[in-house]
């Protein structure tokens, strides 16, 4: 029997951008972050994208604590066309009604199946109660996860996620980045391995980043360069990362071509003189320039829509 092969979409370059909305003073955030800064970050980024008619591709991915505190703000931008996701940092998390925080040092990487299932279930319910919507998209703060994470997310009804950081390796207890050898682009997840495409409906979206790991400083630690606004990359630096990623997708016959870039709610995006704001604008400019260079149509999209397009193409 002839197998059904994966098809490729070579008309469009899909474009996504998102803000991880982290809890002030919790691990993963900025030491000087405040709730006021967190609000100005969301409003500023929304306005930047809306001014360009690109709010549809913009996601706000909030921790449960942020959803509790700023649900009205997040629901406002959702009504205005932005997509939403649950972003979860287990370190320091206190579920509603609990009397103690989760460990402030131990990352999700070192949680076994049962305790990880319980933590994510609590966080998902917490977020959904605040937001009044289903958490069908998920982001793992600091890319801290293990082989249990994908089957747990699938069990809890999550359909798309950004969890992996292909190329990052730091096996220390505090960091827990175990992504050496991970598949570099979008894929259906596996219930057996965090590194490989698999059989789950859950669809993973690694962010756009350099393809070659570089030494991270400490012995046997590796990282990759990405286009986050906080890095304040130039146009040429951003183009080099984005073009290398998309050309790698083309050479692999990857079913969809995409750019997926991040920032965080730890800085004031309303400040139009900010180098970080300029970096966000540069990422958008690079998207359009790269699409033109490759003869593609830049298509603003969401995690759920690109997942649907991948399924239409019978993607792995």
C-alpha atoms as a PDB file:
ATOM      1  CA  UNK A   1       0.000   0.000   0.000  1.00  0.00           C
ATOM      2  CA  UNK A   2       1.411   3.376  -1.021  1.00  0.00           C
ATOM      3  CA  UNK A   3       2.104   5.498   2.106  1.00  0.00           C
ATOM      4  CA  UNK A   4       0.706   9.012   2.378  1.00  0.00           C
ATOM      5  CA  UNK A   5       3.721  11.301   2.202  1.00  0.00           C
ATOM      6  CA  UNK A   6       4.192  14.666   3.886  1.00  0.00           C
ATOM      7  CA  UNK A   7       3.550  17.591   1.530  1.00  0.00           C
ATOM      8  CA  UNK A   8       5.301  20.973   1.515  1.00  0.00           C
ATOM      9  CA  UNK A   9       3.878  24.487   1.400  1.00  0.00           C
ATOM     10  CA  UNK A  10       6.322  26.589  -0.606  1.00  0.00           C
ATOM     11  CA  UNK A  11       4.096  29.625  -1.115  1.00  0.00           C
ATOM     12  CA  UNK A  12       4.113  31.082   2.387  1.00  0.00           C
ATOM     13  CA  UNK A  13       6.552  32.077   5.091  1.00  0.00           C
ATOM     14  CA  UNK A  14       4.539  31.917   8.301  1.00  0.00           C
ATOM     15  CA  UNK A  15       5.302  34.564  10.906  1.00  0.00           C
ATOM     16  CA  UNK A  16       4.625  34.380  14.661  1.00  0.00           C
ATOM     17  CA  UNK A  17       5.782  36.572  17.526  1.00  0.00           C
ATOM     18  CA  UNK A  18       5.063  36.195  21.226  1.00  0.00           C
ATOM     19  CA  UNK A  19       5.634  37.681  24.656  1.00  0.00           C
ATOM     20  CA  UNK A  20       6.263  35.450  27.658  1.00  0.00           C
ATOM     21  CA  UNK A  21       4.359  37.162  30.463  1.00  0.00           C
ATOM     22  CA  UNK A  22       6.300  36.252  33.571  1.00  0.00           C
ATOM     23  CA  UNK A  23       5.594  36.926  37.229  1.00  0.00           C
ATOM     24  CA  UNK A  24       7.632  39.735  38.815  1.00  0.00           C
ATOM     25  CA  UNK A  25      10.197  38.458  41.319  1.00  0.00           C
ATOM     26  CA  UNK A  26       9.790  34.806  40.297  1.00  0.00           C
ATOM     27  CA  UNK A  27      12.576  32.763  38.640  1.00  0.00           C
ATOM     28  CA  UNK A  28      12.751  33.343  34.913  1.00  0.00           C
ATOM     29  CA  UNK A  29      11.808  37.007  35.138  1.00  0.00           C
ATOM     30  CA  UNK A  30      13.846  40.164  35.631  1.00  0.00           C
ATOM     31  CA  UNK A  31      15.035  41.242  39.120  1.00  0.00           C
ATOM     32  CA  UNK A  32      13.771  44.809  38.612  1.00  0.00           C
ATOM     33  CA  UNK A  33      10.495  43.874  36.924  1.00  0.00           C
ATOM     34  CA  UNK A  34       7.294  45.326  38.405  1.00  0.00           C
ATOM     35  CA  UNK A  35       3.609  44.812  37.673  1.00  0.00           C
ATOM     36  CA  UNK A  36       3.510  48.266  36.114  1.00  0.00           C
ATOM     37  CA  UNK A  37       6.322  47.366  33.730  1.00  0.00           C
ATOM     38  CA  UNK A  38       4.551  44.093  32.936  1.00  0.00           C
ATOM     39  CA  UNK A  39       1.417  45.998  31.912  1.00  0.00           C
ATOM     40  CA  UNK A  40       3.297  48.552  29.801  1.00  0.00           C
ATOM     41  CA  UNK A  41       5.102  45.683  28.094  1.00  0.00           C
ATOM     42  CA  UNK A  42       1.837  44.093  26.962  1.00  0.00           C
ATOM     43  CA  UNK A  43       0.238  47.365  25.889  1.00  0.00           C
ATOM     44  CA  UNK A  44       3.347  48.554  24.077  1.00  0.00           C
ATOM     45  CA  UNK A  45       3.868  45.339  22.141  1.00  0.00           C
ATOM     46  CA  UNK A  46       0.208  45.144  21.162  1.00  0.00           C
ATOM     47  CA  UNK A  47       0.288  48.731  19.886  1.00  0.00           C
ATOM     48  CA  UNK A  48       3.496  48.091  17.926  1.00  0.00           C
ATOM     49  CA  UNK A  49       1.960  45.143  16.084  1.00  0.00           C
ATOM     50  CA  UNK A  50      -1.501  46.695  15.704  1.00  0.00           C
ATOM     51  CA  UNK A  51       0.001  49.781  14.061  1.00  0.00           C
ATOM     52  CA  UNK A  52       1.293  47.431  11.359  1.00  0.00           C
ATOM     53  CA  UNK A  53      -1.860  45.328  11.085  1.00  0.00           C
ATOM     54  CA  UNK A  54      -0.028  42.315  12.540  1.00  0.00           C
ATOM     55  CA  UNK A  55      -1.873  41.727  15.815  1.00  0.00           C
ATOM     56  CA  UNK A  56      -3.148  38.370  14.516  1.00  0.00           C
ATOM     57  CA  UNK A  57       0.315  36.790  14.726  1.00  0.00           C
ATOM     58  CA  UNK A  58       1.041  38.164  18.197  1.00  0.00           C
ATOM     59  CA  UNK A  59       0.742  35.898  21.225  1.00  0.00           C
ATOM     60  CA  UNK A  60       0.696  36.689  24.933  1.00  0.00           C
ATOM     61  CA  UNK A  61       1.760  33.634  26.907  1.00  0.00           C
ATOM     62  CA  UNK A  62       1.099  34.192  30.589  1.00  0.00           C
ATOM     63  CA  UNK A  63       1.960  32.416  33.796  1.00  0.00           C
ATOM     64  CA  UNK A  64      -1.060  31.572  35.982  1.00  0.00           C
ATOM     65  CA  UNK A  65      -0.057  34.256  38.466  1.00  0.00           C
ATOM     66  CA  UNK A  66      -0.036  36.864  35.691  1.00  0.00           C
ATOM     67  CA  UNK A  67      -3.385  35.648  34.375  1.00  0.00           C
ATOM     68  CA  UNK A  68      -4.854  36.095  37.854  1.00  0.00           C
ATOM     69  CA  UNK A  69      -3.500  39.636  38.212  1.00  0.00           C
ATOM     70  CA  UNK A  70      -3.852  40.919  34.635  1.00  0.00           C
ATOM     71  CA  UNK A  71      -6.688  38.866  33.152  1.00  0.00           C
ATOM     72  CA  UNK A  72      -8.617  41.964  32.035  1.00  0.00           C
ATOM     73  CA  UNK A  73      -5.598  43.235  30.090  1.00  0.00           C
ATOM     74  CA  UNK A  74      -4.895  39.861  28.498  1.00  0.00           C
ATOM     75  CA  UNK A  75      -8.552  39.345  27.602  1.00  0.00           C
ATOM     76  CA  UNK A  76      -8.584  42.802  26.017  1.00  0.00           C
ATOM     77  CA  UNK A  77      -5.739  42.016  23.630  1.00  0.00           C
ATOM     78  CA  UNK A  78      -7.291  38.614  22.924  1.00  0.00           C
ATOM     79  CA  UNK A  79     -10.534  40.320  21.865  1.00  0.00           C
ATOM     80  CA  UNK A  80      -8.432  42.578  19.645  1.00  0.00           C
ATOM     81  CA  UNK A  81      -7.087  39.581  17.743  1.00  0.00           C
ATOM     82  CA  UNK A  82      -4.061  38.250  19.614  1.00  0.00           C
ATOM     83  CA  UNK A  83      -3.601  34.603  20.542  1.00  0.00           C
ATOM     84  CA  UNK A  84      -3.051  33.359  24.096  1.00  0.00           C
ATOM     85  CA  UNK A  85      -1.164  30.517  25.760  1.00  0.00           C
ATOM     86  CA  UNK A  86      -0.408  29.221  29.234  1.00  0.00           C
ATOM     87  CA  UNK A  87       3.237  29.854  30.119  1.00  0.00           C
ATOM     88  CA  UNK A  88       4.422  27.902  33.139  1.00  0.00           C
ATOM     89  CA  UNK A  89       7.315  28.304  35.549  1.00  0.00           C
ATOM     90  CA  UNK A  90       6.981  25.727  38.310  1.00  0.00           C
ATOM     91  CA  UNK A  91       9.709  27.271  40.482  1.00  0.00           C
ATOM     92  CA  UNK A  92       8.006  29.402  43.115  1.00  0.00           C
ATOM     93  CA  UNK A  93       4.498  28.637  41.876  1.00  0.00           C
ATOM     94  CA  UNK A  94       1.764  28.598  44.527  1.00  0.00           C
ATOM     95  CA  UNK A  95      -1.589  27.175  43.329  1.00  0.00           C
ATOM     96  CA  UNK A  96      -4.793  28.813  44.595  1.00  0.00           C
ATOM     97  CA  UNK A  97      -5.602  27.576  48.085  1.00  0.00           C
ATOM     98  CA  UNK A  98      -2.129  26.151  48.697  1.00  0.00           C
ATOM     99  CA  UNK A  99      -0.082  27.173  51.717  1.00  0.00           C
ATOM    100  CA  UNK A 100       3.363  26.569  50.248  1.00  0.00           C
ATOM    101  CA  UNK A 101       5.203  27.397  47.029  1.00  0.00           C
ATOM    102  CA  UNK A 102       6.722  24.821  44.743  1.00  0.00           C
ATOM    103  CA  UNK A 103      10.505  24.591  45.197  1.00  0.00           C
ATOM    104  CA  UNK A 104      12.160  27.860  44.101  1.00  0.00           C
ATOM    105  CA  UNK A 105      15.276  26.108  42.748  1.00  0.00           C
ATOM    106  CA  UNK A 106      14.229  22.790  41.216  1.00  0.00           C
ATOM    107  CA  UNK A 107      13.210  23.159  37.534  1.00  0.00           C
ATOM    108  CA  UNK A 108      10.568  21.072  35.799  1.00  0.00           C
ATOM    109  CA  UNK A 109      13.349  19.052  34.153  1.00  0.00           C
ATOM    110  CA  UNK A 110      13.770  17.024  37.335  1.00  0.00           C
ATOM    111  CA  UNK A 111      10.072  16.352  38.059  1.00  0.00           C
ATOM    112  CA  UNK A 112       8.867  12.776  37.610  1.00  0.00           C
ATOM    113  CA  UNK A 113       5.649  11.899  35.800  1.00  0.00           C
ATOM    114  CA  UNK A 114       3.183  12.071  38.694  1.00  0.00           C
ATOM    115  CA  UNK A 115       4.407  15.301  40.262  1.00  0.00           C
ATOM    116  CA  UNK A 116       4.783  16.998  36.887  1.00  0.00           C
ATOM    117  CA  UNK A 117       1.270  15.939  35.869  1.00  0.00           C
ATOM    118  CA  UNK A 118      -0.127  17.372  39.081  1.00  0.00           C
ATOM    119  CA  UNK A 119       1.767  20.669  38.771  1.00  0.00           C
ATOM    120  CA  UNK A 120       0.782  21.299  35.150  1.00  0.00           C
ATOM    121  CA  UNK A 121      -2.820  20.252  35.804  1.00  0.00           C
ATOM    122  CA  UNK A 122      -3.066  22.749  38.678  1.00  0.00           C
ATOM    123  CA  UNK A 123      -1.459  25.513  36.611  1.00  0.00           C
ATOM    124  CA  UNK A 124      -3.708  24.841  33.633  1.00  0.00           C
ATOM    125  CA  UNK A 125      -6.861  24.943  35.750  1.00  0.00           C
ATOM    126  CA  UNK A 126      -5.614  28.087  37.536  1.00  0.00           C
ATOM    127  CA  UNK A 127      -4.982  29.849  34.193  1.00  0.00           C
ATOM    128  CA  UNK A 128      -8.283  28.735  32.663  1.00  0.00           C
ATOM    129  CA  UNK A 129     -10.268  29.951  35.660  1.00  0.00           C
ATOM    130  CA  UNK A 130      -8.674  33.386  35.367  1.00  0.00           C
ATOM    131  CA  UNK A 131      -8.807  33.690  31.591  1.00  0.00           C
ATOM    132  CA  UNK A 132     -12.183  32.089  30.933  1.00  0.00           C
ATOM    133  CA  UNK A 133     -10.831  30.060  28.015  1.00  0.00           C
ATOM    134  CA  UNK A 134      -9.203  26.698  27.386  1.00  0.00           C
ATOM    135  CA  UNK A 135      -5.417  26.511  27.613  1.00  0.00           C
ATOM    136  CA  UNK A 136      -4.857  24.580  24.375  1.00  0.00           C
ATOM    137  CA  UNK A 137      -1.413  26.164  23.825  1.00  0.00           C
ATOM    138  CA  UNK A 138       1.490  25.929  26.286  1.00  0.00           C
ATOM    139  CA  UNK A 139       4.968  27.339  26.776  1.00  0.00           C
ATOM    140  CA  UNK A 140       7.610  25.930  29.106  1.00  0.00           C
ATOM    141  CA  UNK A 141       9.451  28.710  30.913  1.00  0.00           C
ATOM    142  CA  UNK A 142      13.221  28.551  30.360  1.00  0.00           C
ATOM    143  CA  UNK A 143      12.760  25.455  28.148  1.00  0.00           C
ATOM    144  CA  UNK A 144      12.810  23.263  31.261  1.00  0.00           C
ATOM    145  CA  UNK A 145      11.149  19.926  30.485  1.00  0.00           C
ATOM    146  CA  UNK A 146      11.834  16.214  30.126  1.00  0.00           C
ATOM    147  CA  UNK A 147      10.560  13.079  28.365  1.00  0.00           C
ATOM    148  CA  UNK A 148       7.354  13.127  30.433  1.00  0.00           C
ATOM    149  CA  UNK A 149       6.350  16.667  29.485  1.00  0.00           C
ATOM    150  CA  UNK A 150       4.918  16.042  26.018  1.00  0.00           C
ATOM    151  CA  UNK A 151       2.710  13.054  26.923  1.00  0.00           C
ATOM    152  CA  UNK A 152       1.479  14.966  29.987  1.00  0.00           C
ATOM    153  CA  UNK A 153       0.544  17.999  27.881  1.00  0.00           C
ATOM    154  CA  UNK A 154      -1.259  15.742  25.405  1.00  0.00           C
ATOM    155  CA  UNK A 155      -3.120  14.000  28.243  1.00  0.00           C
ATOM    156  CA  UNK A 156      -4.275  17.372  29.568  1.00  0.00           C
ATOM    157  CA  UNK A 157      -5.671  18.435  26.197  1.00  0.00           C
ATOM    158  CA  UNK A 158      -2.931  20.821  25.047  1.00  0.00           C
ATOM    159  CA  UNK A 159      -2.675  20.809  21.244  1.00  0.00           C
ATOM    160  CA  UNK A 160       0.371  22.989  20.511  1.00  0.00           C
ATOM    161  CA  UNK A 161       3.374  24.146  22.495  1.00  0.00           C
ATOM    162  CA  UNK A 162       6.809  25.716  22.523  1.00  0.00           C
ATOM    163  CA  UNK A 163       8.938  23.714  24.918  1.00  0.00           C
ATOM    164  CA  UNK A 164      12.229  22.711  23.310  1.00  0.00           C
ATOM    165  CA  UNK A 165      15.446  24.687  22.816  1.00  0.00           C
ATOM    166  CA  UNK A 166      17.362  22.579  20.272  1.00  0.00           C
ATOM    167  CA  UNK A 167      21.100  22.872  20.863  1.00  0.00           C
ATOM    168  CA  UNK A 168      20.984  24.016  24.482  1.00  0.00           C
ATOM    169  CA  UNK A 169      22.786  21.745  26.912  1.00  0.00           C
ATOM    170  CA  UNK A 170      23.334  22.427  30.613  1.00  0.00           C
ATOM    171  CA  UNK A 171      22.696  19.432  32.827  1.00  0.00           C
ATOM    172  CA  UNK A 172      23.250  21.302  36.091  1.00  0.00           C
ATOM    173  CA  UNK A 173      20.505  20.949  38.692  1.00  0.00           C
ATOM    174  CA  UNK A 174      19.581  24.645  38.561  1.00  0.00           C
ATOM    175  CA  UNK A 175      19.320  24.942  34.744  1.00  0.00           C
ATOM    176  CA  UNK A 176      18.224  21.567  33.369  1.00  0.00           C
ATOM    177  CA  UNK A 177      18.580  22.181  29.620  1.00  0.00           C
ATOM    178  CA  UNK A 178      18.744  18.771  27.932  1.00  0.00           C
ATOM    179  CA  UNK A 179      18.191  19.667  24.275  1.00  0.00           C
ATOM    180  CA  UNK A 180      21.345  18.464  22.525  1.00  0.00           C
ATOM    181  CA  UNK A 181      20.226  16.675  19.347  1.00  0.00           C
ATOM    182  CA  UNK A 182      16.597  17.829  19.486  1.00  0.00           C
ATOM    183  CA  UNK A 183      14.791  18.115  16.156  1.00  0.00           C
ATOM    184  CA  UNK A 184      15.304  21.753  15.106  1.00  0.00           C
ATOM    185  CA  UNK A 185      11.932  22.743  13.633  1.00  0.00           C
ATOM    186  CA  UNK A 186       8.187  22.237  14.148  1.00  0.00           C
ATOM    187  CA  UNK A 187       6.985  18.669  14.642  1.00  0.00           C
ATOM    188  CA  UNK A 188       4.399  16.429  16.203  1.00  0.00           C
ATOM    189  CA  UNK A 189       5.692  15.369  19.591  1.00  0.00           C
ATOM    190  CA  UNK A 190       6.653  11.918  20.795  1.00  0.00           C
ATOM    191  CA  UNK A 191       5.446  10.138  23.930  1.00  0.00           C
ATOM    192  CA  UNK A 192       8.811   8.354  24.065  1.00  0.00           C
ATOM    193  CA  UNK A 193      11.387  11.099  23.586  1.00  0.00           C
ATOM    194  CA  UNK A 194      11.603  14.858  24.095  1.00  0.00           C
ATOM    195  CA  UNK A 195      14.061  15.039  21.153  1.00  0.00           C
ATOM    196  CA  UNK A 196      12.319  13.413  18.203  1.00  0.00           C
ATOM    197  CA  UNK A 197       9.138  13.760  16.131  1.00  0.00           C
ATOM    198  CA  UNK A 198       6.451  11.308  17.170  1.00  0.00           C
ATOM    199  CA  UNK A 199       2.873  10.122  17.151  1.00  0.00           C
ATOM    200  CA  UNK A 200       1.105  12.666  19.388  1.00  0.00           C
ATOM    201  CA  UNK A 201      -1.380  15.216  18.078  1.00  0.00           C
ATOM    202  CA  UNK A 202       0.555  17.785  20.157  1.00  0.00           C
ATOM    203  CA  UNK A 203       2.604  20.035  17.836  1.00  0.00           C
ATOM    204  CA  UNK A 204       5.861  21.670  18.953  1.00  0.00           C
ATOM    205  CA  UNK A 205       7.118  25.090  17.790  1.00  0.00           C
ATOM    206  CA  UNK A 206      10.810  25.699  18.549  1.00  0.00           C
ATOM    207  CA  UNK A 207      11.666  29.386  18.332  1.00  0.00           C
ATOM    208  CA  UNK A 208      13.873  30.643  15.501  1.00  0.00           C
ATOM    209  CA  UNK A 209      17.505  30.446  16.537  1.00  0.00           C
ATOM    210  CA  UNK A 210      21.024  29.679  15.359  1.00  0.00           C
ATOM    211  CA  UNK A 211      21.519  26.123  14.169  1.00  0.00           C
ATOM    212  CA  UNK A 212      25.016  25.617  15.595  1.00  0.00           C
ATOM    213  CA  UNK A 213      25.400  25.367  19.384  1.00  0.00           C
ATOM    214  CA  UNK A 214      28.084  27.596  20.876  1.00  0.00           C
ATOM    215  CA  UNK A 215      29.899  27.232  24.223  1.00  0.00           C
ATOM    216  CA  UNK A 216      27.869  28.767  27.058  1.00  0.00           C
ATOM    217  CA  UNK A 217      30.766  29.432  29.433  1.00  0.00           C
ATOM    218  CA  UNK A 218      30.855  26.641  31.999  1.00  0.00           C
ATOM    219  CA  UNK A 219      32.491  23.349  30.935  1.00  0.00           C
ATOM    220  CA  UNK A 220      30.235  21.143  28.785  1.00  0.00           C
ATOM    221  CA  UNK A 221      27.456  23.709  28.492  1.00  0.00           C
ATOM    222  CA  UNK A 222      26.086  24.882  25.157  1.00  0.00           C
ATOM    223  CA  UNK A 223      23.620  27.476  23.986  1.00  0.00           C
ATOM    224  CA  UNK A 224      22.200  28.923  20.770  1.00  0.00           C
ATOM    225  CA  UNK A 225      21.614  32.519  19.700  1.00  0.00           C
ATOM    226  CA  UNK A 226      18.032  33.586  19.068  1.00  0.00           C
ATOM    227  CA  UNK A 227      16.325  36.813  18.007  1.00  0.00           C
ATOM    228  CA  UNK A 228      14.739  37.812  21.309  1.00  0.00           C
ATOM    229  CA  UNK A 229      14.307  41.565  21.618  1.00  0.00           C
ATOM    230  CA  UNK A 230      16.468  41.627  24.738  1.00  0.00           C
ATOM    231  CA  UNK A 231      19.527  40.762  22.600  1.00  0.00           C
ATOM    232  CA  UNK A 232      19.060  43.967  20.527  1.00  0.00           C
ATOM    233  CA  UNK A 233      20.417  42.358  17.367  1.00  0.00           C
ATOM    234  CA  UNK A 234      21.027  44.376  14.218  1.00  0.00           C
ATOM    235  CA  UNK A 235      19.151  43.817  10.959  1.00  0.00           C
ATOM    236  CA  UNK A 236      22.052  41.808   9.521  1.00  0.00           C
ATOM    237  CA  UNK A 237      22.411  39.673  12.648  1.00  0.00           C
ATOM    238  CA  UNK A 238      18.679  38.967  12.740  1.00  0.00           C
ATOM    239  CA  UNK A 239      18.580  38.198   9.018  1.00  0.00           C
ATOM    240  CA  UNK A 240      21.499  35.763   9.342  1.00  0.00           C
ATOM    241  CA  UNK A 241      19.704  33.719  12.007  1.00  0.00           C
ATOM    242  CA  UNK A 242      16.300  33.797  10.302  1.00  0.00           C
ATOM    243  CA  UNK A 243      17.580  33.052   6.814  1.00  0.00           C
ATOM    244  CA  UNK A 244      19.747  30.152   7.987  1.00  0.00           C
ATOM    245  CA  UNK A 245      16.754  28.645   9.796  1.00  0.00           C
ATOM    246  CA  UNK A 246      14.378  28.934   6.833  1.00  0.00           C
ATOM    247  CA  UNK A 247      16.940  27.667   4.330  1.00  0.00           C
ATOM    248  CA  UNK A 248      17.533  24.678   6.598  1.00  0.00           C
ATOM    249  CA  UNK A 249      13.773  24.048   6.596  1.00  0.00           C
ATOM    250  CA  UNK A 250      13.799  24.165   2.788  1.00  0.00           C
ATOM    251  CA  UNK A 251      16.723  21.760   2.468  1.00  0.00           C
ATOM    252  CA  UNK A 252      15.024  19.316   4.846  1.00  0.00           C
ATOM    253  CA  UNK A 253      11.768  19.419   2.838  1.00  0.00           C
ATOM    254  CA  UNK A 254      10.123  20.639   6.012  1.00  0.00           C
ATOM    255  CA  UNK A 255       6.357  20.881   5.468  1.00  0.00           C
ATOM    256  CA  UNK A 256       5.970  24.519   6.622  1.00  0.00           C
ATOM    257  CA  UNK A 257       8.369  27.455   6.542  1.00  0.00           C
ATOM    258  CA  UNK A 258       8.135  29.684   9.611  1.00  0.00           C
ATOM    259  CA  UNK A 259       9.688  32.332  11.858  1.00  0.00           C
ATOM    260  CA  UNK A 260       8.808  32.290  15.566  1.00  0.00           C
ATOM    261  CA  UNK A 261      10.464  34.918  17.765  1.00  0.00           C
ATOM    262  CA  UNK A 262      10.103  35.958  21.429  1.00  0.00           C
ATOM    263  CA  UNK A 263      10.315  38.720  23.962  1.00  0.00           C
ATOM    264  CA  UNK A 264       9.288  39.074  27.615  1.00  0.00           C
ATOM    265  CA  UNK A 265       7.132  41.370  29.750  1.00  0.00           C
ATOM    266  CA  UNK A 266      10.173  42.563  31.677  1.00  0.00           C
ATOM    267  CA  UNK A 267      10.735  45.877  29.863  1.00  0.00           C
ATOM    268  CA  UNK A 268       8.708  48.937  28.860  1.00  0.00           C
ATOM    269  CA  UNK A 269       7.737  48.403  25.217  1.00  0.00           C
ATOM    270  CA  UNK A 270       5.891  51.748  25.178  1.00  0.00           C
ATOM    271  CA  UNK A 271       9.309  53.476  25.203  1.00  0.00           C
ATOM    272  CA  UNK A 272       9.755  54.218  21.485  1.00  0.00           C
ATOM    273  CA  UNK A 273      13.442  55.059  21.997  1.00  0.00           C
ATOM    274  CA  UNK A 274      14.252  51.634  23.420  1.00  0.00           C
ATOM    275  CA  UNK A 275      16.829  49.485  21.655  1.00  0.00           C
ATOM    276  CA  UNK A 276      14.716  46.461  22.490  1.00  0.00           C
ATOM    277  CA  UNK A 277      11.679  47.990  20.793  1.00  0.00           C
ATOM    278  CA  UNK A 278      13.821  48.670  17.747  1.00  0.00           C
ATOM    279  CA  UNK A 279      14.875  44.992  17.806  1.00  0.00           C
ATOM    280  CA  UNK A 280      11.210  43.933  17.642  1.00  0.00           C
ATOM    281  CA  UNK A 281      10.681  46.245  14.667  1.00  0.00           C
ATOM    282  CA  UNK A 282      13.802  44.789  13.054  1.00  0.00           C
ATOM    283  CA  UNK A 283      12.446  41.261  13.408  1.00  0.00           C
ATOM    284  CA  UNK A 284       9.302  42.301  11.535  1.00  0.00           C
ATOM    285  CA  UNK A 285      11.346  44.024   8.829  1.00  0.00           C
ATOM    286  CA  UNK A 286      13.499  40.934   8.430  1.00  0.00           C
ATOM    287  CA  UNK A 287      10.391  38.777   8.034  1.00  0.00           C
ATOM    288  CA  UNK A 288       9.158  40.832   5.100  1.00  0.00           C
ATOM    289  CA  UNK A 289      12.633  41.127   3.538  1.00  0.00           C
ATOM    290  CA  UNK A 290      13.326  37.402   3.823  1.00  0.00           C
ATOM    291  CA  UNK A 291       9.949  36.465   2.343  1.00  0.00           C
ATOM    292  CA  UNK A 292      10.644  38.755  -0.631  1.00  0.00           C
ATOM    293  CA  UNK A 293      14.157  37.345  -1.035  1.00  0.00           C
ATOM    294  CA  UNK A 294      12.833  33.775  -1.162  1.00  0.00           C
ATOM    295  CA  UNK A 295       9.785  34.564  -3.304  1.00  0.00           C
ATOM    296  CA  UNK A 296       7.334  33.763  -0.498  1.00  0.00           C
ATOM    297  CA  UNK A 297       4.290  35.473   0.986  1.00  0.00           C
ATOM    298  CA  UNK A 298       4.778  36.554   4.612  1.00  0.00           C
ATOM    299  CA  UNK A 299       1.719  35.184   6.416  1.00  0.00           C
ATOM    300  CA  UNK A 300       0.918  36.276   9.988  1.00  0.00           C
ATOM    301  CA  UNK A 301      -0.486  33.286  11.856  1.00  0.00           C
ATOM    302  CA  UNK A 302      -1.072  31.651  15.239  1.00  0.00           C
ATOM    303  CA  UNK A 303       0.165  28.428  16.807  1.00  0.00           C
ATOM    304  CA  UNK A 304      -3.230  26.792  16.273  1.00  0.00           C
ATOM    305  CA  UNK A 305      -3.512  27.897  12.641  1.00  0.00           C
ATOM    306  CA  UNK A 306      -0.018  26.728  11.743  1.00  0.00           C
ATOM    307  CA  UNK A 307      -0.708  23.428  13.491  1.00  0.00           C
ATOM    308  CA  UNK A 308      -3.806  23.045  11.289  1.00  0.00           C
ATOM    309  CA  UNK A 309      -1.754  23.834   8.171  1.00  0.00           C
ATOM    310  CA  UNK A 310       0.844  21.237   9.180  1.00  0.00           C
ATOM    311  CA  UNK A 311      -1.889  18.639   9.640  1.00  0.00           C
ATOM    312  CA  UNK A 312      -3.324  19.523   6.214  1.00  0.00           C
ATOM    313  CA  UNK A 313       0.098  18.715   4.780  1.00  0.00           C
ATOM    314  CA  UNK A 314       0.265  15.411   6.682  1.00  0.00           C
ATOM    315  CA  UNK A 315       3.257  16.721   8.609  1.00  0.00           C
ATOM    316  CA  UNK A 316       5.358  14.588  10.924  1.00  0.00           C
END
